Amino acid sequence: MSDTSLAAMRQVASELISNSGDRWRVLASAAYLGVATGDPQLRRQAEALIDKSPEFMRRGIDAQYQQWTSDRLREALANFPNARLA
């Protein structure tokens, strides 16, 4: 994968994490992508979201989807411990 493509993926992930609002699937997918790119800042953002009820509540995400989102982020962190797309 080219550096340009990787940078674009990181940019999309970052924007979607910031602007997903109450769209929990978008948030989970964007954070998963961010982790997969190997970007340390996006990884920290994903880690910071796990089980953070106040952040989910601020976004308007209910408890059922908070758990689902946290589970997906744990999965991403486990699947990509030191990710860097080639």
N, C-alpha and C. Protein backbone atom coordinates (compact mmCIF):
# COMPACT_ATOMS: atom_id res chain seq x y z
N MET A 1 0.84 -1.16 0.00
CA MET A 1 0.00 0.00 0.00
C MET A 1 0.89 1.24 0.00
N SER A 2 0.51 2.20 -0.79
CA SER A 2 1.33 3.41 -0.88
C SER A 2 1.18 4.27 0.38
N ASP A 3 2.18 5.10 0.61
CA ASP A 3 2.12 6.02 1.75
C ASP A 3 0.94 6.98 1.61
N THR A 4 0.63 7.36 0.38
CA THR A 4 -0.50 8.26 0.14
C THR A 4 -1.82 7.60 0.53
N SER A 5 -1.98 6.33 0.15
CA SER A 5 -3.20 5.60 0.50
C SER A 5 -3.31 5.43 2.01
N LEU A 6 -2.22 5.09 2.66
CA LEU A 6 -2.22 4.92 4.10
C LEU A 6 -2.56 6.23 4.80
N ALA A 7 -2.00 7.33 4.34
CA ALA A 7 -2.30 8.64 4.92
C ALA A 7 -3.78 8.99 4.73
N ALA A 8 -4.33 8.67 3.58
CA ALA A 8 -5.75 8.93 3.33
C ALA A 8 -6.63 8.10 4.26
N MET A 9 -6.27 6.84 4.47
CA MET A 9 -7.04 5.98 5.37
C MET A 9 -6.99 6.53 6.80
N ARG A 10 -5.84 6.98 7.20
CA ARG A 10 -5.71 7.56 8.55
C ARG A 10 -6.55 8.82 8.69
N GLN A 11 -6.55 9.64 7.66
CA GLN A 11 -7.33 10.88 7.68
C GLN A 11 -8.83 10.57 7.78
N VAL A 12 -9.29 9.64 6.99
CA VAL A 12 -10.71 9.25 7.03
C VAL A 12 -11.07 8.70 8.40
N ALA A 13 -10.23 7.82 8.93
CA ALA A 13 -10.51 7.25 10.25
C ALA A 13 -10.58 8.33 11.31
N SER A 14 -9.64 9.24 11.30
CA SER A 14 -9.61 10.33 12.27
C SER A 14 -10.86 11.20 12.19
N GLU A 15 -11.24 11.58 10.98
CA GLU A 15 -12.43 12.43 10.80
C GLU A 15 -13.69 11.71 11.25
N LEU A 16 -13.80 10.44 10.92
CA LEU A 16 -15.01 9.70 11.31
C LEU A 16 -15.08 9.45 12.81
N ILE A 17 -13.95 9.21 13.45
CA ILE A 17 -13.95 9.07 14.91
C ILE A 17 -14.44 10.36 15.54
N SER A 18 -13.95 11.47 15.05
CA SER A 18 -14.33 12.78 15.61
C SER A 18 -15.76 13.17 15.33
N ASN A 19 -16.27 12.76 14.17
CA ASN A 19 -17.56 13.27 13.72
C ASN A 19 -18.66 12.21 13.61
N SER A 20 -18.49 11.07 14.26
CA SER A 20 -19.49 10.00 14.13
C SER A 20 -20.74 10.24 14.95
N GLY A 21 -20.66 11.12 15.93
CA GLY A 21 -21.84 11.40 16.75
C GLY A 21 -22.37 10.13 17.39
N ASP A 22 -23.69 9.88 17.22
CA ASP A 22 -24.31 8.71 17.83
C ASP A 22 -24.30 7.50 16.91
N ARG A 23 -23.61 7.60 15.80
CA ARG A 23 -23.54 6.47 14.85
C ARG A 23 -22.46 5.50 15.32
N TRP A 24 -22.86 4.57 16.19
CA TRP A 24 -21.93 3.67 16.85
C TRP A 24 -21.20 2.76 15.88
N ARG A 25 -21.85 2.33 14.82
CA ARG A 25 -21.17 1.47 13.85
C ARG A 25 -20.08 2.24 13.10
N VAL A 26 -20.36 3.48 12.78
CA VAL A 26 -19.36 4.31 12.12
C VAL A 26 -18.17 4.52 13.06
N LEU A 27 -18.47 4.82 14.32
CA LEU A 27 -17.40 5.01 15.31
C LEU A 27 -16.54 3.76 15.44
N ALA A 28 -17.18 2.61 15.62
CA ALA A 28 -16.44 1.36 15.78
C ALA A 28 -15.62 1.04 14.54
N SER A 29 -16.20 1.22 13.38
CA SER A 29 -15.49 0.90 12.13
C SER A 29 -14.32 1.85 11.91
N ALA A 30 -14.53 3.13 12.18
CA ALA A 30 -13.46 4.11 12.00
C ALA A 30 -12.31 3.84 12.97
N ALA A 31 -12.64 3.55 14.22
CA ALA A 31 -11.59 3.26 15.20
C ALA A 31 -10.86 1.97 14.84
N TYR A 32 -11.59 0.97 14.36
CA TYR A 32 -10.97 -0.29 13.93
C TYR A 32 -9.99 -0.01 12.79
N LEU A 33 -10.43 0.77 11.81
CA LEU A 33 -9.56 1.13 10.70
C LEU A 33 -8.33 1.88 11.20
N GLY A 34 -8.54 2.82 12.11
CA GLY A 34 -7.42 3.57 12.66
C GLY A 34 -6.39 2.68 13.31
N VAL A 35 -6.84 1.69 14.08
CA VAL A 35 -5.92 0.74 14.71
C VAL A 35 -5.19 -0.05 13.63
N ALA A 36 -5.92 -0.50 12.62
CA ALA A 36 -5.33 -1.32 11.56
C ALA A 36 -4.24 -0.57 10.79
N THR A 37 -4.33 0.74 10.70
CA THR A 37 -3.32 1.51 9.97
C THR A 37 -2.01 1.61 10.73
N GLY A 38 -2.05 1.32 12.02
CA GLY A 38 -0.84 1.40 12.83
C GLY A 38 -0.53 2.78 13.34
N ASP A 39 -1.42 3.72 13.15
CA ASP A 39 -1.20 5.08 13.62
C ASP A 39 -1.29 5.11 15.16
N PRO A 40 -0.23 5.54 15.84
CA PRO A 40 -0.25 5.50 17.31
C PRO A 40 -1.33 6.39 17.93
N GLN A 41 -1.60 7.54 17.35
CA GLN A 41 -2.62 8.43 17.90
C GLN A 41 -4.01 7.81 17.75
N LEU A 42 -4.30 7.23 16.60
CA LEU A 42 -5.60 6.60 16.39
C LEU A 42 -5.75 5.38 17.30
N ARG A 43 -4.67 4.67 17.53
CA ARG A 43 -4.71 3.53 18.45
C ARG A 43 -5.05 4.02 19.86
N ARG A 44 -4.41 5.10 20.29
CA ARG A 44 -4.70 5.65 21.62
C ARG A 44 -6.16 6.10 21.73
N GLN A 45 -6.69 6.68 20.65
CA GLN A 45 -8.09 7.09 20.66
C GLN A 45 -9.01 5.88 20.81
N ALA A 46 -8.70 4.81 20.11
CA ALA A 46 -9.51 3.59 20.21
C ALA A 46 -9.42 3.03 21.62
N GLU A 47 -8.22 2.96 22.17
CA GLU A 47 -8.05 2.45 23.53
C GLU A 47 -8.82 3.29 24.54
N ALA A 48 -8.83 4.61 24.34
CA ALA A 48 -9.50 5.52 25.26
C ALA A 48 -11.02 5.38 25.21
N LEU A 49 -11.56 4.87 24.12
CA LEU A 49 -13.01 4.72 24.00
C LEU A 49 -13.55 3.49 24.72
N ILE A 50 -12.73 2.48 24.90
CA ILE A 50 -13.21 1.21 25.45
C ILE A 50 -13.80 1.44 26.84
N ASP A 51 -15.06 1.04 26.97
CA ASP A 51 -15.79 1.09 28.25
C ASP A 51 -15.87 2.49 28.86
N LYS A 52 -15.84 3.51 28.04
CA LYS A 52 -15.92 4.88 28.53
C LYS A 52 -17.36 5.38 28.43
N SER A 53 -18.16 4.98 29.37
CA SER A 53 -19.57 5.33 29.35
C SER A 53 -19.82 6.83 29.21
N PRO A 54 -19.09 7.70 29.92
CA PRO A 54 -19.35 9.14 29.74
C PRO A 54 -19.16 9.61 28.29
N GLU A 55 -18.13 9.09 27.62
CA GLU A 55 -17.92 9.48 26.22
C GLU A 55 -19.04 8.97 25.34
N PHE A 56 -19.44 7.72 25.56
CA PHE A 56 -20.55 7.17 24.79
C PHE A 56 -21.84 7.94 25.08
N MET A 57 -22.06 8.27 26.34
CA MET A 57 -23.27 9.02 26.69
C MET A 57 -23.24 10.40 26.05
N ARG A 58 -22.07 11.03 26.04
CA ARG A 58 -21.93 12.34 25.39
C ARG A 58 -22.32 12.25 23.92
N ARG A 59 -21.98 11.13 23.31
CA ARG A 59 -22.29 10.92 21.90
C ARG A 59 -23.72 10.44 21.68
N GLY A 60 -24.41 10.06 22.75
CA GLY A 60 -25.78 9.57 22.63
C GLY A 60 -25.88 8.11 22.24
N ILE A 61 -24.88 7.32 22.58
CA ILE A 61 -24.85 5.89 22.26
C ILE A 61 -25.33 5.13 23.49
N ASP A 62 -26.37 4.30 23.32
CA ASP A 62 -26.93 3.60 24.48
C ASP A 62 -26.06 2.42 24.91
N ALA A 63 -26.38 1.86 26.08
CA ALA A 63 -25.52 0.85 26.72
C ALA A 63 -25.27 -0.37 25.85
N GLN A 64 -26.29 -0.86 25.17
CA GLN A 64 -26.12 -2.05 24.33
C GLN A 64 -25.03 -1.81 23.27
N TYR A 65 -25.06 -0.66 22.64
CA TYR A 65 -24.11 -0.35 21.58
C TYR A 65 -22.76 0.11 22.13
N GLN A 66 -22.75 0.61 23.36
CA GLN A 66 -21.48 0.89 24.01
C GLN A 66 -20.68 -0.40 24.15
N GLN A 67 -21.35 -1.44 24.61
CA GLN A 67 -20.69 -2.73 24.79
C GLN A 67 -20.23 -3.29 23.45
N TRP A 68 -21.09 -3.23 22.44
CA TRP A 68 -20.74 -3.74 21.11
C TRP A 68 -19.52 -3.01 20.57
N THR A 69 -19.52 -1.69 20.70
CA THR A 69 -18.41 -0.88 20.20
C THR A 69 -17.13 -1.21 20.96
N SER A 70 -17.21 -1.30 22.27
CA SER A 70 -16.02 -1.65 23.07
C SER A 70 -15.48 -3.02 22.68
N ASP A 71 -16.37 -3.98 22.45
CA ASP A 71 -15.94 -5.31 22.03
C ASP A 71 -15.21 -5.27 20.69
N ARG A 72 -15.72 -4.50 19.73
CA ARG A 72 -15.06 -4.39 18.42
C ARG A 72 -13.69 -3.75 18.56
N LEU A 73 -13.57 -2.76 19.45
CA LEU A 73 -12.28 -2.09 19.62
C LEU A 73 -11.27 -3.01 20.30
N ARG A 74 -11.72 -3.80 21.26
CA ARG A 74 -10.83 -4.80 21.86
C ARG A 74 -10.34 -5.79 20.79
N GLU A 75 -11.26 -6.18 19.91
CA GLU A 75 -10.92 -7.09 18.82
C GLU A 75 -9.87 -6.47 17.91
N ALA A 76 -10.04 -5.21 17.56
CA ALA A 76 -9.07 -4.52 16.70
C ALA A 76 -7.70 -4.47 17.37
N LEU A 77 -7.67 -4.11 18.63
CA LEU A 77 -6.40 -4.02 19.35
C LEU A 77 -5.71 -5.37 19.44
N ALA A 78 -6.50 -6.44 19.59
CA ALA A 78 -5.92 -7.79 19.64
C ALA A 78 -5.45 -8.25 18.27
N ASN A 79 -6.21 -7.92 17.23
CA ASN A 79 -5.87 -8.36 15.87
C ASN A 79 -4.70 -7.60 15.27
N PHE A 80 -4.48 -6.38 15.71
CA PHE A 80 -3.43 -5.54 15.15
C PHE A 80 -2.55 -4.97 16.28
N PRO A 81 -1.82 -5.83 16.98
CA PRO A 81 -1.03 -5.34 18.12
C PRO A 81 0.06 -4.34 17.72
N ASN A 82 0.63 -4.50 16.56
CA ASN A 82 1.68 -3.60 16.09
C ASN A 82 1.47 -3.31 14.61
N ALA A 83 0.25 -2.93 14.27
CA ALA A 83 -0.15 -2.84 12.88
C ALA A 83 0.60 -1.76 12.11
N ARG A 84 0.87 -2.11 10.89
CA ARG A 84 1.37 -1.17 9.87
C ARG A 84 1.05 -1.85 8.55
N LEU A 85 0.10 -1.30 7.82
CA LEU A 85 -0.28 -1.92 6.55
C LEU A 85 0.88 -1.85 5.58
N ALA A 86 1.13 -2.93 4.89
CA ALA A 86 2.25 -2.96 3.94
C ALA A 86 1.81 -2.50 2.58
